[in-house]
Amino acid sequence: MPRNYNYCPPPRMTAFITHCWKKCLEWLILLALLVAGLLTTSAALAGSIEPKNAGLTPDERGQALTTEFAIDLGPRLEEAVTRGVPLHFRLEFTLARKRWYWVDEHVAGHVLDYRLSYHALTRQYRLALGGLHRNFDALDEVLQVLSHTARLHVVDRAALTPGETYAAAVRLSLDHNQLPKPLQIDALADRDWRVEARTLRWNFVLTGEK
């Protein structure tokens, strides 16, 4: 007797399978929404340092750097500062001679290391650069000063050749390696403890002497 391989599940089983698929789809959609929400929240809480503008202008010895950044530490790091955790920032500038036949040639570089701290006794923030420091009453005031660099000498005149094109780059970043060890570990796993920093790059051509 020939066998019939055309099997159709009964209506009840079909309805059950359809119901299960709908439930699975609903859970997948819900999970996707939760993940998207968590990522959005994490991005909103994470800090950032965005360069707004930068440029080189002639000074008495060569070229001076002027910069402006938009600094957002995020709520976690702002709270950490007020609880006594110092934050270290680094401003890095590089200038290279562009060469089409080889890697660019390093011409000049400059680094500034800042230390931001809060003193509970005086209820003031302190921004230190080397042996110099300045006190502020509010965190916004500190970040406003930190975000600007005015006419900082970075390149000697003898290092530049008029008419040549140079690649300039500047970056202000939080030095995560200077955080206390427990926070360094948190920064690896939790974006809320990190500050994303972007490098600003541009071409510079020396057109004439001052």
C-alpha atoms as a PDB file:
ATOM      1  CA  MET A   1       0.000   0.000   0.000  1.00  0.00           C
ATOM      2  CA  PRO A   2       1.538   3.344  -1.054  1.00  0.00           C
ATOM      3  CA  ARG A   3       2.387   5.754   1.720  1.00  0.00           C
ATOM      4  CA  ASN A   4       1.098   9.295   1.807  1.00  0.00           C
ATOM      5  CA  TYR A   5       3.944  11.733   2.581  1.00  0.00           C
ATOM      6  CA  ASN A   6       1.797  14.836   2.208  1.00  0.00           C
ATOM      7  CA  TYR A   7       1.340  15.528   5.902  1.00  0.00           C
ATOM      8  CA  CYS A   8      -0.450  18.633   7.145  1.00  0.00           C
ATOM      9  CA  PRO A   9      -0.448  19.453  10.852  1.00  0.00           C
ATOM     10  CA  PRO A  10      -3.848  19.721  12.436  1.00  0.00           C
ATOM     11  CA  PRO A  11      -5.291  23.216  12.844  1.00  0.00           C
ATOM     12  CA  ARG A  12      -4.598  23.271  16.598  1.00  0.00           C
ATOM     13  CA  MET A  13      -0.895  22.505  16.087  1.00  0.00           C
ATOM     14  CA  THR A  14      -0.626  25.152  13.352  1.00  0.00           C
ATOM     15  CA  ALA A  15      -2.156  27.738  15.647  1.00  0.00           C
ATOM     16  CA  PHE A  16       0.239  26.730  18.437  1.00  0.00           C
ATOM     17  CA  ILE A  17       3.303  27.068  16.176  1.00  0.00           C
ATOM     18  CA  THR A  18       2.103  30.444  14.900  1.00  0.00           C
ATOM     19  CA  HIS A  19       1.554  31.625  18.478  1.00  0.00           C
ATOM     20  CA  CYS A  20       5.086  30.552  19.473  1.00  0.00           C
ATOM     21  CA  TRP A  21       6.619  32.371  16.534  1.00  0.00           C
ATOM     22  CA  LYS A  22       4.723  35.534  17.415  1.00  0.00           C
ATOM     23  CA  LYS A  23       5.907  35.315  21.024  1.00  0.00           C
ATOM     24  CA  CYS A  24       9.517  34.783  19.941  1.00  0.00           C
ATOM     25  CA  LEU A  25       9.294  37.733  17.578  1.00  0.00           C
ATOM     26  CA  GLU A  26       7.874  39.924  20.342  1.00  0.00           C
ATOM     27  CA  TRP A  27      10.733  38.949  22.675  1.00  0.00           C
ATOM     28  CA  LEU A  28      13.327  39.639  19.991  1.00  0.00           C
ATOM     29  CA  ILE A  29      11.863  43.078  19.325  1.00  0.00           C
ATOM     30  CA  LEU A  30      11.766  43.829  23.058  1.00  0.00           C
ATOM     31  CA  LEU A  31      15.383  42.694  23.452  1.00  0.00           C
ATOM     32  CA  ALA A  32      16.485  44.877  20.534  1.00  0.00           C
ATOM     33  CA  LEU A  33      14.739  47.888  22.070  1.00  0.00           C
ATOM     34  CA  LEU A  34      16.372  47.250  25.447  1.00  0.00           C
ATOM     35  CA  VAL A  35      19.833  46.947  23.899  1.00  0.00           C
ATOM     36  CA  ALA A  36      19.292  50.115  21.877  1.00  0.00           C
ATOM     37  CA  GLY A  37      18.137  51.920  25.005  1.00  0.00           C
ATOM     38  CA  LEU A  38      21.162  50.782  26.978  1.00  0.00           C
ATOM     39  CA  LEU A  39      23.532  51.853  24.226  1.00  0.00           C
ATOM     40  CA  THR A  40      21.850  55.243  23.931  1.00  0.00           C
ATOM     41  CA  THR A  41      21.981  55.759  27.687  1.00  0.00           C
ATOM     42  CA  SER A  42      25.629  54.727  27.811  1.00  0.00           C
ATOM     43  CA  ALA A  43      26.499  57.095  24.976  1.00  0.00           C
ATOM     44  CA  ALA A  44      24.657  59.909  26.733  1.00  0.00           C
ATOM     45  CA  LEU A  45      26.534  59.288  29.995  1.00  0.00           C
ATOM     46  CA  ALA A  46      29.974  58.893  28.410  1.00  0.00           C
ATOM     47  CA  GLY A  47      32.189  61.967  28.227  1.00  0.00           C
ATOM     48  CA  SER A  48      33.784  63.499  25.153  1.00  0.00           C
ATOM     49  CA  ILE A  49      36.372  66.062  24.106  1.00  0.00           C
ATOM     50  CA  GLU A  50      35.675  67.486  20.666  1.00  0.00           C
ATOM     51  CA  PRO A  51      38.044  69.916  18.909  1.00  0.00           C
ATOM     52  CA  LYS A  52      36.194  72.990  17.643  1.00  0.00           C
ATOM     53  CA  ASN A  53      39.054  74.791  15.943  1.00  0.00           C
ATOM     54  CA  ALA A  54      42.837  75.096  15.942  1.00  0.00           C
ATOM     55  CA  GLY A  55      45.456  77.009  14.028  1.00  0.00           C
ATOM     56  CA  LEU A  56      49.026  78.259  13.832  1.00  0.00           C
ATOM     57  CA  THR A  57      49.944  81.953  13.796  1.00  0.00           C
ATOM     58  CA  PRO A  58      53.366  83.655  13.653  1.00  0.00           C
ATOM     59  CA  ASP A  59      55.059  84.649  16.897  1.00  0.00           C
ATOM     60  CA  GLU A  60      58.495  86.079  17.731  1.00  0.00           C
ATOM     61  CA  ARG A  61      60.233  82.692  17.476  1.00  0.00           C
ATOM     62  CA  GLY A  62      58.219  80.876  14.828  1.00  0.00           C
ATOM     63  CA  GLN A  63      54.654  79.587  15.102  1.00  0.00           C
ATOM     64  CA  ALA A  64      52.188  79.621  18.002  1.00  0.00           C
ATOM     65  CA  LEU A  65      49.233  77.295  18.532  1.00  0.00           C
ATOM     66  CA  THR A  66      45.702  78.414  19.375  1.00  0.00           C
ATOM     67  CA  THR A  67      43.022  75.811  20.127  1.00  0.00           C
ATOM     68  CA  GLU A  68      39.453  75.477  21.332  1.00  0.00           C
ATOM     69  CA  PHE A  69      37.755  72.277  22.545  1.00  0.00           C
ATOM     70  CA  ALA A  70      34.295  71.319  23.777  1.00  0.00           C
ATOM     71  CA  ILE A  71      34.729  69.284  26.985  1.00  0.00           C
ATOM     72  CA  ASP A  72      32.026  67.076  28.511  1.00  0.00           C
ATOM     73  CA  LEU A  73      33.272  64.860  31.337  1.00  0.00           C
ATOM     74  CA  GLY A  74      29.977  63.037  31.819  1.00  0.00           C
ATOM     75  CA  PRO A  75      28.182  62.653  35.184  1.00  0.00           C
ATOM     76  CA  ARG A  76      30.366  59.812  36.499  1.00  0.00           C
ATOM     77  CA  LEU A  77      33.664  61.670  36.168  1.00  0.00           C
ATOM     78  CA  GLU A  78      32.193  64.971  37.341  1.00  0.00           C
ATOM     79  CA  GLU A  79      31.058  63.237  40.522  1.00  0.00           C
ATOM     80  CA  ALA A  80      34.437  61.525  40.880  1.00  0.00           C
ATOM     81  CA  VAL A  81      36.233  64.886  40.783  1.00  0.00           C
ATOM     82  CA  THR A  82      34.039  66.361  43.506  1.00  0.00           C
ATOM     83  CA  ARG A  83      34.802  63.289  45.635  1.00  0.00           C
ATOM     84  CA  GLY A  84      38.536  63.935  45.422  1.00  0.00           C
ATOM     85  CA  VAL A  85      39.646  61.908  42.390  1.00  0.00           C
ATOM     86  CA  PRO A  86      42.188  63.947  40.358  1.00  0.00           C
ATOM     87  CA  LEU A  87      41.927  63.923  36.569  1.00  0.00           C
ATOM     88  CA  HIS A  88      44.927  64.282  34.268  1.00  0.00           C
ATOM     89  CA  PHE A  89      44.613  65.761  30.785  1.00  0.00           C
ATOM     90  CA  ARG A  90      47.164  65.864  27.978  1.00  0.00           C
ATOM     91  CA  LEU A  91      47.340  68.355  25.117  1.00  0.00           C
ATOM     92  CA  GLU A  92      49.389  66.935  22.232  1.00  0.00           C
ATOM     93  CA  PHE A  93      50.490  68.787  19.110  1.00  0.00           C
ATOM     94  CA  THR A  94      52.538  67.391  16.220  1.00  0.00           C
ATOM     95  CA  LEU A  95      53.760  68.859  12.960  1.00  0.00           C
ATOM     96  CA  ALA A  96      55.162  66.752  10.115  1.00  0.00           C
ATOM     97  CA  ARG A  97      56.536  67.538   6.662  1.00  0.00           C
ATOM     98  CA  LYS A  98      54.398  65.800   4.041  1.00  0.00           C
ATOM     99  CA  ARG A  99      56.306  63.499   1.658  1.00  0.00           C
ATOM    100  CA  TRP A 100      54.628  61.637  -1.192  1.00  0.00           C
ATOM    101  CA  TYR A 101      57.461  59.100  -1.554  1.00  0.00           C
ATOM    102  CA  TRP A 102      57.831  58.116   2.114  1.00  0.00           C
ATOM    103  CA  VAL A 103      56.270  58.526   5.542  1.00  0.00           C
ATOM    104  CA  ASP A 104      55.865  62.104   6.746  1.00  0.00           C
ATOM    105  CA  GLU A 105      58.923  63.602   8.468  1.00  0.00           C
ATOM    106  CA  HIS A 106      58.461  64.734  12.075  1.00  0.00           C
ATOM    107  CA  VAL A 107      59.206  68.448  12.398  1.00  0.00           C
ATOM    108  CA  ALA A 108      57.945  69.526  15.816  1.00  0.00           C
ATOM    109  CA  GLY A 109      55.886  68.381  18.760  1.00  0.00           C
ATOM    110  CA  HIS A 110      54.612  69.811  22.011  1.00  0.00           C
ATOM    111  CA  VAL A 111      52.898  68.263  25.044  1.00  0.00           C
ATOM    112  CA  LEU A 112      51.168  69.882  28.021  1.00  0.00           C
ATOM    113  CA  ASP A 113      50.029  67.841  31.037  1.00  0.00           C
ATOM    114  CA  TYR A 114      47.240  69.267  33.210  1.00  0.00           C
ATOM    115  CA  ARG A 115      45.971  68.067  36.578  1.00  0.00           C
ATOM    116  CA  LEU A 116      42.404  68.844  37.675  1.00  0.00           C
ATOM    117  CA  SER A 117      41.520  68.308  41.336  1.00  0.00           C
ATOM    118  CA  TYR A 118      38.999  69.397  43.967  1.00  0.00           C
ATOM    119  CA  HIS A 119      39.817  70.485  47.512  1.00  0.00           C
ATOM    120  CA  ALA A 120      36.980  69.865  49.945  1.00  0.00           C
ATOM    121  CA  LEU A 121      38.324  72.211  52.652  1.00  0.00           C
ATOM    122  CA  THR A 122      38.346  75.256  50.394  1.00  0.00           C
ATOM    123  CA  ARG A 123      35.551  73.959  48.133  1.00  0.00           C
ATOM    124  CA  GLN A 124      37.572  74.965  45.123  1.00  0.00           C
ATOM    125  CA  TYR A 125      38.765  73.269  41.966  1.00  0.00           C
ATOM    126  CA  ARG A 126      42.435  73.492  41.039  1.00  0.00           C
ATOM    127  CA  LEU A 127      43.975  73.286  37.593  1.00  0.00           C
ATOM    128  CA  ALA A 128      47.734  72.669  37.671  1.00  0.00           C
ATOM    129  CA  LEU A 129      50.267  72.840  34.853  1.00  0.00           C
ATOM    130  CA  GLY A 130      53.781  71.974  35.941  1.00  0.00           C
ATOM    131  CA  GLY A 131      54.569  74.058  39.019  1.00  0.00           C
ATOM    132  CA  LEU A 132      51.792  76.558  38.303  1.00  0.00           C
ATOM    133  CA  HIS A 133      48.187  76.281  39.438  1.00  0.00           C
ATOM    134  CA  ARG A 134      44.979  78.293  39.523  1.00  0.00           C
ATOM    135  CA  ASN A 135      41.881  77.891  41.699  1.00  0.00           C
ATOM    136  CA  PHE A 136      38.249  78.058  40.574  1.00  0.00           C
ATOM    137  CA  ASP A 137      34.903  78.099  42.353  1.00  0.00           C
ATOM    138  CA  ALA A 138      33.032  76.015  39.758  1.00  0.00           C
ATOM    139  CA  LEU A 139      33.879  73.070  37.522  1.00  0.00           C
ATOM    140  CA  ASP A 140      32.521  74.862  34.453  1.00  0.00           C
ATOM    141  CA  GLU A 141      35.069  77.633  34.996  1.00  0.00           C
ATOM    142  CA  VAL A 142      37.934  75.116  35.049  1.00  0.00           C
ATOM    143  CA  LEU A 143      36.764  73.376  31.881  1.00  0.00           C
ATOM    144  CA  GLN A 144      36.396  76.726  30.141  1.00  0.00           C
ATOM    145  CA  VAL A 145      40.069  77.509  30.793  1.00  0.00           C
ATOM    146  CA  LEU A 146      41.193  73.965  29.975  1.00  0.00           C
ATOM    147  CA  SER A 147      39.346  74.039  26.664  1.00  0.00           C
ATOM    148  CA  HIS A 148      41.322  77.014  25.318  1.00  0.00           C
ATOM    149  CA  THR A 149      44.982  77.407  24.407  1.00  0.00           C
ATOM    150  CA  ALA A 150      46.115  80.859  23.296  1.00  0.00           C
ATOM    151  CA  ARG A 151      49.326  81.525  21.376  1.00  0.00           C
ATOM    152  CA  LEU A 152      51.382  78.641  22.722  1.00  0.00           C
ATOM    153  CA  HIS A 153      54.792  78.534  21.016  1.00  0.00           C
ATOM    154  CA  VAL A 154      55.185  75.130  19.372  1.00  0.00           C
ATOM    155  CA  VAL A 155      57.436  75.460  16.298  1.00  0.00           C
ATOM    156  CA  ASP A 156      60.762  77.256  15.864  1.00  0.00           C
ATOM    157  CA  ARG A 157      61.216  79.369  12.749  1.00  0.00           C
ATOM    158  CA  ALA A 158      64.319  77.458  11.646  1.00  0.00           C
ATOM    159  CA  ALA A 159      62.341  74.202  11.425  1.00  0.00           C
ATOM    160  CA  LEU A 160      60.037  75.492   8.672  1.00  0.00           C
ATOM    161  CA  THR A 161      60.525  76.104   4.966  1.00  0.00           C
ATOM    162  CA  PRO A 162      58.281  78.654   3.210  1.00  0.00           C
ATOM    163  CA  GLY A 163      56.013  77.105   0.602  1.00  0.00           C
ATOM    164  CA  GLU A 164      56.160  73.555   1.949  1.00  0.00           C
ATOM    165  CA  THR A 165      53.045  71.734   3.146  1.00  0.00           C
ATOM    166  CA  TYR A 166      52.973  70.369   6.679  1.00  0.00           C
ATOM    167  CA  ALA A 167      50.513  68.045   8.407  1.00  0.00           C
ATOM    168  CA  ALA A 168      49.401  69.454  11.759  1.00  0.00           C
ATOM    169  CA  ALA A 169      47.476  67.545  14.429  1.00  0.00           C
ATOM    170  CA  VAL A 170      46.234  68.431  17.904  1.00  0.00           C
ATOM    171  CA  ARG A 171      44.399  66.438  20.558  1.00  0.00           C
ATOM    172  CA  LEU A 172      43.234  67.047  24.122  1.00  0.00           C
ATOM    173  CA  SER A 173      42.507  63.839  26.020  1.00  0.00           C
ATOM    174  CA  LEU A 174      41.932  62.415  29.472  1.00  0.00           C
ATOM    175  CA  ASP A 175      44.891  60.295  30.557  1.00  0.00           C
ATOM    176  CA  HIS A 176      43.068  57.157  31.724  1.00  0.00           C
ATOM    177  CA  ASN A 177      46.354  55.622  32.873  1.00  0.00           C
ATOM    178  CA  GLN A 178      46.562  58.270  35.596  1.00  0.00           C
ATOM    179  CA  LEU A 179      43.219  57.260  37.111  1.00  0.00           C
ATOM    180  CA  PRO A 180      43.242  55.207  40.333  1.00  0.00           C
ATOM    181  CA  LYS A 181      43.638  51.507  39.528  1.00  0.00           C
ATOM    182  CA  PRO A 182      40.004  50.536  40.318  1.00  0.00           C
ATOM    183  CA  LEU A 183      38.748  53.255  37.963  1.00  0.00           C
ATOM    184  CA  GLN A 184      41.154  52.125  35.242  1.00  0.00           C
ATOM    185  CA  ILE A 185      39.499  48.707  35.364  1.00  0.00           C
ATOM    186  CA  ASP A 186      36.036  50.294  35.305  1.00  0.00           C
ATOM    187  CA  ALA A 187      37.055  52.413  32.312  1.00  0.00           C
ATOM    188  CA  LEU A 188      37.856  49.252  30.349  1.00  0.00           C
ATOM    189  CA  ALA A 189      34.409  47.759  30.925  1.00  0.00           C
ATOM    190  CA  ASP A 190      32.157  50.790  31.386  1.00  0.00           C
ATOM    191  CA  ARG A 191      31.971  53.657  28.892  1.00  0.00           C
ATOM    192  CA  ASP A 192      30.690  55.979  31.623  1.00  0.00           C
ATOM    193  CA  TRP A 193      34.250  56.165  32.969  1.00  0.00           C
ATOM    194  CA  ARG A 194      35.776  56.995  29.582  1.00  0.00           C
ATOM    195  CA  VAL A 195      36.137  60.271  27.745  1.00  0.00           C
ATOM    196  CA  GLU A 196      36.294  59.901  23.982  1.00  0.00           C
ATOM    197  CA  ALA A 197      38.758  62.324  22.374  1.00  0.00           C
ATOM    198  CA  ARG A 198      39.109  63.117  18.675  1.00  0.00           C
ATOM    199  CA  THR A 199      42.224  64.380  16.895  1.00  0.00           C
ATOM    200  CA  LEU A 200      41.931  67.472  14.710  1.00  0.00           C
ATOM    201  CA  ARG A 201      44.153  67.411  11.609  1.00  0.00           C
ATOM    202  CA  TRP A 202      44.834  70.093   9.024  1.00  0.00           C
ATOM    203  CA  ASN A 203      47.404  71.160   6.432  1.00  0.00           C
ATOM    204  CA  PHE A 204      49.674  74.104   7.179  1.00  0.00           C
ATOM    205  CA  VAL A 205      51.712  76.075   4.645  1.00  0.00           C
ATOM    206  CA  LEU A 206      54.203  78.734   5.728  1.00  0.00           C
ATOM    207  CA  THR A 207      53.493  81.612   3.356  1.00  0.00           C
ATOM    208  CA  GLY A 208      55.805  84.277   4.752  1.00  0.00           C
ATOM    209  CA  GLU A 209      57.699  85.600   7.743  1.00  0.00           C
ATOM    210  CA  LYS A 210      56.287  87.804  10.473  1.00  0.00           C
END
